[in-house]
Amino acid sequence: MRVSPGEVDPGTEALPWPDVADLQPGTADSNLERWTVQANAGRARAAIIVGRYWLERIPEHPENCAKAIEWLQKAEKLGSNEAPGWLGHVFRRFDCPQRDLGIAAEWLRKAVPLRTYGAAGDLLDIYAAEGTPQY
């Protein structure tokens, strides 16, 4: 059973992993490795960052969409309030092989009450698009 989110979003909570390395410059590979370790250890915010890393690389290689979805779903399971909005965005992308407006709408409906920026507008765009099942 899922409990409604409290005042502190566990996805943005820095503890119990205060990470001084966050303030140090690093390479994309070293940062990805560090965030992946933290995400696998249960840090929702790290899973969001890894998911967004792959999200930004979808134009280069469309197969990165599946990696973004995997990490963002992991972040959602870890309790991130940001994850539903990002998942809605990913499933709306034209360059994502997993594009599915029905799934995008489901994620965005979860994101709206969490006050995820842009989720309501994205959901409205899906519902207002003629020729889609959600119209």
N, C-alpha and C. Protein backbone atom coordinates (compact mmCIF):
# COMPACT_ATOMS: atom_id res chain seq x y z
N MET A 1 0.84 -1.17 0.00
CA MET A 1 0.00 0.00 0.00
C MET A 1 0.89 1.24 0.00
N ARG A 2 0.60 2.18 -0.88
CA ARG A 2 1.39 3.40 -0.99
C ARG A 2 0.81 4.46 -0.07
N VAL A 3 1.68 5.09 0.68
CA VAL A 3 1.28 6.15 1.59
C VAL A 3 1.45 7.48 0.87
N SER A 4 0.55 8.42 1.11
CA SER A 4 0.70 9.72 0.46
C SER A 4 1.96 10.40 0.97
N PRO A 5 2.58 11.21 0.11
CA PRO A 5 3.85 11.83 0.48
C PRO A 5 3.71 12.78 1.66
N GLY A 6 4.75 12.80 2.47
CA GLY A 6 4.77 13.71 3.61
C GLY A 6 5.31 15.06 3.19
N GLU A 7 5.67 15.87 4.17
CA GLU A 7 6.16 17.21 3.88
C GLU A 7 7.52 17.18 3.19
N VAL A 8 8.36 16.20 3.50
CA VAL A 8 9.68 16.11 2.90
C VAL A 8 9.66 15.05 1.82
N ASP A 9 10.02 15.45 0.62
CA ASP A 9 10.08 14.52 -0.50
C ASP A 9 11.34 13.67 -0.34
N PRO A 10 11.20 12.35 -0.17
CA PRO A 10 12.39 11.52 -0.02
C PRO A 10 13.29 11.57 -1.25
N GLY A 11 12.73 11.95 -2.39
CA GLY A 11 13.53 12.05 -3.59
C GLY A 11 14.49 13.22 -3.57
N THR A 12 14.21 14.23 -2.76
CA THR A 12 15.11 15.38 -2.70
C THR A 12 15.87 15.41 -1.38
N GLU A 13 15.57 14.51 -0.50
CA GLU A 13 16.26 14.45 0.80
C GLU A 13 17.71 14.05 0.60
N ALA A 14 18.62 14.85 1.10
CA ALA A 14 20.05 14.59 0.91
C ALA A 14 20.57 13.52 1.86
N LEU A 15 19.99 13.38 3.01
CA LEU A 15 20.45 12.40 3.98
C LEU A 15 19.83 11.05 3.68
N PRO A 16 20.41 9.95 4.00
CA PRO A 16 21.62 9.77 4.79
C PRO A 16 22.89 9.75 3.95
N TRP A 17 22.87 10.31 2.77
CA TRP A 17 24.06 10.32 1.93
C TRP A 17 24.55 11.74 1.69
N PRO A 18 25.04 12.44 2.70
CA PRO A 18 25.63 13.73 2.39
C PRO A 18 26.85 13.47 1.53
N ASP A 19 26.93 14.08 0.39
CA ASP A 19 27.94 13.72 -0.58
C ASP A 19 28.76 14.94 -0.96
N VAL A 20 29.93 15.08 -0.36
CA VAL A 20 30.83 16.19 -0.66
C VAL A 20 31.25 16.14 -2.12
N ALA A 21 31.27 14.95 -2.70
CA ALA A 21 31.66 14.80 -4.10
C ALA A 21 30.69 15.52 -5.02
N ASP A 22 29.46 15.78 -4.55
CA ASP A 22 28.49 16.51 -5.37
C ASP A 22 29.00 17.90 -5.73
N LEU A 23 29.84 18.46 -4.88
CA LEU A 23 30.34 19.81 -5.08
C LEU A 23 31.65 19.86 -5.86
N GLN A 24 32.21 18.70 -6.15
CA GLN A 24 33.49 18.61 -6.85
C GLN A 24 33.25 18.35 -8.33
N PRO A 25 34.06 18.98 -9.18
CA PRO A 25 33.91 18.67 -10.61
C PRO A 25 34.34 17.24 -10.88
N GLY A 26 33.69 16.62 -11.81
CA GLY A 26 34.04 15.26 -12.17
C GLY A 26 33.70 15.03 -13.63
N THR A 27 34.11 13.90 -14.13
CA THR A 27 33.76 13.57 -15.50
C THR A 27 32.34 13.01 -15.53
N ALA A 28 31.74 13.02 -16.70
CA ALA A 28 30.39 12.48 -16.83
C ALA A 28 30.36 11.01 -16.40
N ASP A 29 31.40 10.26 -16.77
CA ASP A 29 31.45 8.84 -16.41
C ASP A 29 31.59 8.64 -14.90
N SER A 30 32.46 9.42 -14.26
CA SER A 30 32.64 9.24 -12.82
C SER A 30 31.39 9.67 -12.06
N ASN A 31 30.73 10.73 -12.53
CA ASN A 31 29.50 11.16 -11.88
C ASN A 31 28.41 10.12 -12.07
N LEU A 32 28.28 9.58 -13.27
CA LEU A 32 27.26 8.55 -13.52
C LEU A 32 27.51 7.33 -12.65
N GLU A 33 28.75 6.94 -12.53
CA GLU A 33 29.08 5.78 -11.69
C GLU A 33 28.70 6.03 -10.23
N ARG A 34 29.04 7.22 -9.74
CA ARG A 34 28.73 7.55 -8.34
C ARG A 34 27.22 7.58 -8.10
N TRP A 35 26.48 8.22 -9.02
CA TRP A 35 25.02 8.30 -8.86
C TRP A 35 24.38 6.93 -8.99
N THR A 36 24.92 6.08 -9.85
CA THR A 36 24.37 4.74 -10.01
C THR A 36 24.55 3.93 -8.73
N VAL A 37 25.71 4.03 -8.12
CA VAL A 37 25.95 3.33 -6.85
C VAL A 37 24.96 3.82 -5.79
N GLN A 38 24.78 5.13 -5.71
CA GLN A 38 23.87 5.68 -4.72
C GLN A 38 22.42 5.27 -5.00
N ALA A 39 22.02 5.28 -6.26
CA ALA A 39 20.66 4.87 -6.62
C ALA A 39 20.42 3.41 -6.27
N ASN A 40 21.41 2.57 -6.56
CA ASN A 40 21.27 1.14 -6.23
C ASN A 40 21.25 0.91 -4.73
N ALA A 41 21.78 1.87 -3.97
CA ALA A 41 21.75 1.76 -2.51
C ALA A 41 20.45 2.30 -1.93
N GLY A 42 19.57 2.86 -2.78
CA GLY A 42 18.26 3.29 -2.30
C GLY A 42 18.03 4.78 -2.26
N ARG A 43 18.88 5.58 -2.86
CA ARG A 43 18.69 7.03 -2.86
C ARG A 43 17.85 7.42 -4.08
N ALA A 44 16.63 7.87 -3.83
CA ALA A 44 15.71 8.21 -4.91
C ALA A 44 16.22 9.36 -5.76
N ARG A 45 16.81 10.36 -5.14
CA ARG A 45 17.31 11.52 -5.89
C ARG A 45 18.40 11.09 -6.87
N ALA A 46 19.25 10.16 -6.48
CA ALA A 46 20.29 9.66 -7.37
C ALA A 46 19.68 8.93 -8.56
N ALA A 47 18.62 8.17 -8.32
CA ALA A 47 17.94 7.47 -9.42
C ALA A 47 17.33 8.45 -10.41
N ILE A 48 16.80 9.56 -9.92
CA ILE A 48 16.28 10.61 -10.81
C ILE A 48 17.41 11.16 -11.68
N ILE A 49 18.54 11.43 -11.06
CA ILE A 49 19.66 12.00 -11.80
C ILE A 49 20.16 11.02 -12.87
N VAL A 50 20.25 9.75 -12.54
CA VAL A 50 20.68 8.75 -13.53
C VAL A 50 19.64 8.67 -14.66
N GLY A 51 18.36 8.67 -14.30
CA GLY A 51 17.31 8.65 -15.31
C GLY A 51 17.38 9.85 -16.23
N ARG A 52 17.62 11.03 -15.67
CA ARG A 52 17.74 12.23 -16.48
C ARG A 52 19.00 12.22 -17.33
N TYR A 53 20.06 11.60 -16.84
CA TYR A 53 21.28 11.44 -17.63
C TYR A 53 20.95 10.72 -18.94
N TRP A 54 20.22 9.60 -18.80
CA TRP A 54 19.86 8.82 -20.00
C TRP A 54 18.81 9.53 -20.83
N LEU A 55 17.92 10.26 -20.19
CA LEU A 55 16.89 11.03 -20.90
C LEU A 55 17.53 12.05 -21.84
N GLU A 56 18.57 12.71 -21.38
CA GLU A 56 19.24 13.72 -22.19
C GLU A 56 20.02 13.11 -23.35
N ARG A 57 20.23 11.81 -23.32
CA ARG A 57 20.98 11.14 -24.38
C ARG A 57 20.09 10.36 -25.35
N ILE A 58 18.79 10.54 -25.25
CA ILE A 58 17.87 9.87 -26.18
C ILE A 58 18.09 10.35 -27.62
N PRO A 59 18.30 11.65 -27.88
CA PRO A 59 18.51 12.05 -29.28
C PRO A 59 19.72 11.38 -29.91
N GLU A 60 20.76 11.10 -29.13
CA GLU A 60 21.95 10.44 -29.66
C GLU A 60 21.67 8.98 -30.01
N HIS A 61 20.98 8.30 -29.11
CA HIS A 61 20.68 6.87 -29.27
C HIS A 61 19.31 6.60 -28.67
N PRO A 62 18.29 6.32 -29.49
CA PRO A 62 16.94 6.10 -28.98
C PRO A 62 16.83 4.97 -27.94
N GLU A 63 17.78 4.02 -27.96
CA GLU A 63 17.71 2.93 -26.96
C GLU A 63 17.93 3.46 -25.54
N ASN A 64 18.45 4.67 -25.41
CA ASN A 64 18.63 5.27 -24.08
C ASN A 64 17.30 5.58 -23.42
N CYS A 65 16.22 5.60 -24.20
CA CYS A 65 14.90 5.83 -23.64
C CYS A 65 14.53 4.72 -22.65
N ALA A 66 14.82 3.49 -23.00
CA ALA A 66 14.52 2.37 -22.09
C ALA A 66 15.31 2.49 -20.79
N LYS A 67 16.56 2.94 -20.89
CA LYS A 67 17.38 3.12 -19.68
C LYS A 67 16.80 4.24 -18.82
N ALA A 68 16.37 5.34 -19.45
CA ALA A 68 15.77 6.44 -18.70
C ALA A 68 14.51 5.97 -17.98
N ILE A 69 13.68 5.23 -18.67
CA ILE A 69 12.44 4.72 -18.07
C ILE A 69 12.76 3.82 -16.88
N GLU A 70 13.71 2.92 -17.06
CA GLU A 70 14.08 1.99 -15.98
C GLU A 70 14.50 2.76 -14.72
N TRP A 71 15.38 3.75 -14.87
CA TRP A 71 15.86 4.48 -13.70
C TRP A 71 14.80 5.38 -13.09
N LEU A 72 13.96 5.98 -13.93
CA LEU A 72 12.90 6.84 -13.39
C LEU A 72 11.84 6.01 -12.67
N GLN A 73 11.56 4.81 -13.16
CA GLN A 73 10.63 3.93 -12.44
C GLN A 73 11.23 3.49 -11.11
N LYS A 74 12.54 3.26 -11.10
CA LYS A 74 13.20 2.91 -9.85
C LYS A 74 13.07 4.07 -8.86
N ALA A 75 13.26 5.29 -9.34
CA ALA A 75 13.14 6.47 -8.49
C ALA A 75 11.73 6.57 -7.93
N GLU A 76 10.73 6.28 -8.74
CA GLU A 76 9.34 6.33 -8.27
C GLU A 76 9.11 5.30 -7.18
N LYS A 77 9.65 4.10 -7.35
CA LYS A 77 9.51 3.06 -6.34
C LYS A 77 10.23 3.44 -5.04
N LEU A 78 11.30 4.25 -5.17
CA LEU A 78 12.03 4.70 -3.99
C LEU A 78 11.36 5.89 -3.32
N GLY A 79 10.29 6.42 -3.92
CA GLY A 79 9.52 7.47 -3.29
C GLY A 79 9.70 8.87 -3.84
N SER A 80 10.31 9.02 -4.99
CA SER A 80 10.51 10.35 -5.56
C SER A 80 9.21 10.95 -6.07
N ASN A 81 8.94 12.19 -5.69
CA ASN A 81 7.77 12.90 -6.21
C ASN A 81 8.02 13.44 -7.61
N GLU A 82 9.26 13.51 -8.04
CA GLU A 82 9.60 14.01 -9.37
C GLU A 82 9.39 12.95 -10.45
N ALA A 83 9.53 11.70 -10.10
CA ALA A 83 9.55 10.62 -11.08
C ALA A 83 8.31 10.55 -11.96
N PRO A 84 7.08 10.65 -11.42
CA PRO A 84 5.91 10.56 -12.31
C PRO A 84 5.91 11.62 -13.42
N GLY A 85 6.32 12.82 -13.10
CA GLY A 85 6.37 13.87 -14.12
C GLY A 85 7.39 13.58 -15.20
N TRP A 86 8.57 13.10 -14.79
CA TRP A 86 9.60 12.76 -15.78
C TRP A 86 9.17 11.57 -16.62
N LEU A 87 8.51 10.59 -16.00
CA LEU A 87 8.03 9.43 -16.76
C LEU A 87 6.97 9.85 -17.77
N GLY A 88 6.08 10.75 -17.37
CA GLY A 88 5.09 11.27 -18.31
C GLY A 88 5.77 11.94 -19.50
N HIS A 89 6.82 12.69 -19.21
CA HIS A 89 7.57 13.36 -20.27
C HIS A 89 8.22 12.35 -21.22
N VAL A 90 8.86 11.35 -20.66
CA VAL A 90 9.56 10.36 -21.49
C VAL A 90 8.58 9.65 -22.42
N PHE A 91 7.45 9.23 -21.89
CA PHE A 91 6.49 8.49 -22.71
C PHE A 91 5.80 9.36 -23.76
N ARG A 92 5.94 10.69 -23.68
CA ARG A 92 5.39 11.60 -24.69
C ARG A 92 6.37 11.87 -25.82
N ARG A 93 7.62 11.59 -25.63
CA ARG A 93 8.66 11.97 -26.60
C ARG A 93 8.50 11.24 -27.93
N PHE A 94 8.61 12.00 -29.00
CA PHE A 94 8.53 11.41 -30.34
C PHE A 94 9.74 10.56 -30.66
N ASP A 95 10.90 10.87 -30.07
CA ASP A 95 12.12 10.11 -30.38
C ASP A 95 12.33 8.91 -29.46
N CYS A 96 11.33 8.60 -28.65
CA CYS A 96 11.41 7.46 -27.74
C CYS A 96 10.66 6.27 -28.36
N PRO A 97 11.33 5.16 -28.60
CA PRO A 97 10.64 3.99 -29.16
C PRO A 97 9.49 3.50 -28.29
N GLN A 98 9.53 3.78 -27.00
CA GLN A 98 8.49 3.35 -26.08
C GLN A 98 7.33 4.36 -25.99
N ARG A 99 7.29 5.34 -26.88
CA ARG A 99 6.26 6.39 -26.85
C ARG A 99 4.88 5.76 -26.72
N ASP A 100 4.12 6.23 -25.74
CA ASP A 100 2.77 5.75 -25.50
C ASP A 100 2.02 6.83 -24.74
N LEU A 101 1.09 7.50 -25.41
CA LEU A 101 0.37 8.61 -24.78
C LEU A 101 -0.53 8.15 -23.65
N GLY A 102 -1.04 6.93 -23.73
CA GLY A 102 -1.87 6.41 -22.64
C GLY A 102 -1.06 6.25 -21.36
N ILE A 103 0.13 5.69 -21.48
CA ILE A 103 1.00 5.53 -20.31
C ILE A 103 1.47 6.90 -19.83
N ALA A 104 1.78 7.80 -20.78
CA ALA A 104 2.19 9.16 -20.40
C ALA A 104 1.09 9.83 -19.58
N ALA A 105 -0.15 9.69 -20.02
CA ALA A 105 -1.27 10.31 -19.29
C ALA A 105 -1.41 9.72 -17.89
N GLU A 106 -1.22 8.42 -17.75
CA GLU A 106 -1.29 7.80 -16.42
C GLU A 106 -0.24 8.40 -15.48
N TRP A 107 1.00 8.52 -15.97
CA TRP A 107 2.06 9.08 -15.13
C TRP A 107 1.78 10.54 -14.81
N LEU A 108 1.30 11.29 -15.79
CA LEU A 108 1.03 12.71 -15.56
C LEU A 108 -0.13 12.90 -14.59
N ARG A 109 -1.11 12.00 -14.62
CA ARG A 109 -2.20 12.08 -13.63
C ARG A 109 -1.66 11.88 -12.21
N LYS A 110 -0.63 11.07 -12.07
CA LYS A 110 0.01 10.91 -10.76
C LYS A 110 0.83 12.15 -10.39
N ALA A 111 1.41 12.79 -11.41
CA ALA A 111 2.30 13.94 -11.16
C ALA A 111 1.54 15.21 -10.80
N VAL A 112 0.33 15.40 -11.33
CA VAL A 112 -0.41 16.64 -11.10
C VAL A 112 -0.65 16.90 -9.61
N PRO A 113 -1.18 15.94 -8.84
CA PRO A 113 -1.40 16.24 -7.42
C PRO A 113 -0.10 16.42 -6.62
N LEU A 114 1.01 15.97 -7.19
CA LEU A 114 2.31 16.16 -6.53
C LEU A 114 2.90 17.52 -6.89
N ARG A 115 2.13 18.29 -7.66
CA ARG A 115 2.52 19.65 -8.08
C ARG A 115 3.81 19.67 -8.88
N THR A 116 3.97 18.67 -9.71
CA THR A 116 5.13 18.61 -10.59
C THR A 116 4.98 19.67 -11.66
N TYR A 117 5.99 20.51 -11.80
CA TYR A 117 5.94 21.62 -12.74
C TYR A 117 5.66 21.13 -14.16
N GLY A 118 4.66 21.68 -14.79
CA GLY A 118 4.34 21.38 -16.17
C GLY A 118 3.47 20.16 -16.40
N ALA A 119 3.24 19.36 -15.36
CA ALA A 119 2.49 18.11 -15.55
C ALA A 119 1.06 18.37 -16.00
N ALA A 120 0.39 19.36 -15.42
CA ALA A 120 -1.00 19.64 -15.78
C ALA A 120 -1.08 20.10 -17.24
N GLY A 121 -0.15 20.95 -17.66
CA GLY A 121 -0.13 21.41 -19.04
C GLY A 121 0.13 20.28 -20.02
N ASP A 122 1.06 19.39 -19.66
CA ASP A 122 1.35 18.25 -20.53
C ASP A 122 0.15 17.33 -20.64
N LEU A 123 -0.54 17.12 -19.52
CA LEU A 123 -1.72 16.28 -19.53
C LEU A 123 -2.82 16.91 -20.38
N LEU A 124 -2.99 18.20 -20.27
CA LEU A 124 -3.97 18.90 -21.09
C LEU A 124 -3.63 18.76 -22.57
N ASP A 125 -2.36 18.86 -22.92
CA ASP A 125 -1.95 18.70 -24.32
C ASP A 125 -2.32 17.32 -24.85
N ILE A 126 -2.15 16.30 -24.04
CA ILE A 126 -2.51 14.94 -24.46
C ILE A 126 -4.01 14.84 -24.68
N TYR A 127 -4.79 15.36 -23.72
CA TYR A 127 -6.25 15.28 -23.83
C TYR A 127 -6.80 16.13 -24.97
N ALA A 128 -6.09 17.20 -25.34
CA ALA A 128 -6.58 18.12 -26.37
C ALA A 128 -6.14 17.73 -27.77
N ALA A 129 -5.27 16.76 -27.92
CA ALA A 129 -4.75 16.39 -29.24
C ALA A 129 -5.77 15.53 -29.99
N GLU A 130 -6.28 16.08 -31.07
CA GLU A 130 -7.25 15.32 -31.89
C GLU A 130 -6.59 14.10 -32.49
N GLY A 131 -7.36 13.04 -32.63
CA GLY A 131 -6.86 11.83 -33.24
C GLY A 131 -6.20 10.88 -32.26
N THR A 132 -6.17 11.22 -30.98
CA THR A 132 -5.60 10.32 -29.99
C THR A 132 -6.73 9.69 -29.18
N PRO A 133 -6.51 8.51 -28.64
CA PRO A 133 -7.55 7.87 -27.83
C PRO A 133 -7.95 8.69 -26.60
N GLN A 134 -7.04 9.55 -26.14
CA GLN A 134 -7.32 10.33 -24.94
C GLN A 134 -8.12 11.59 -25.23
N TYR A 135 -8.36 11.93 -26.51
CA TYR A 135 -9.03 13.17 -26.89
C TYR A 135 -10.44 13.20 -26.34
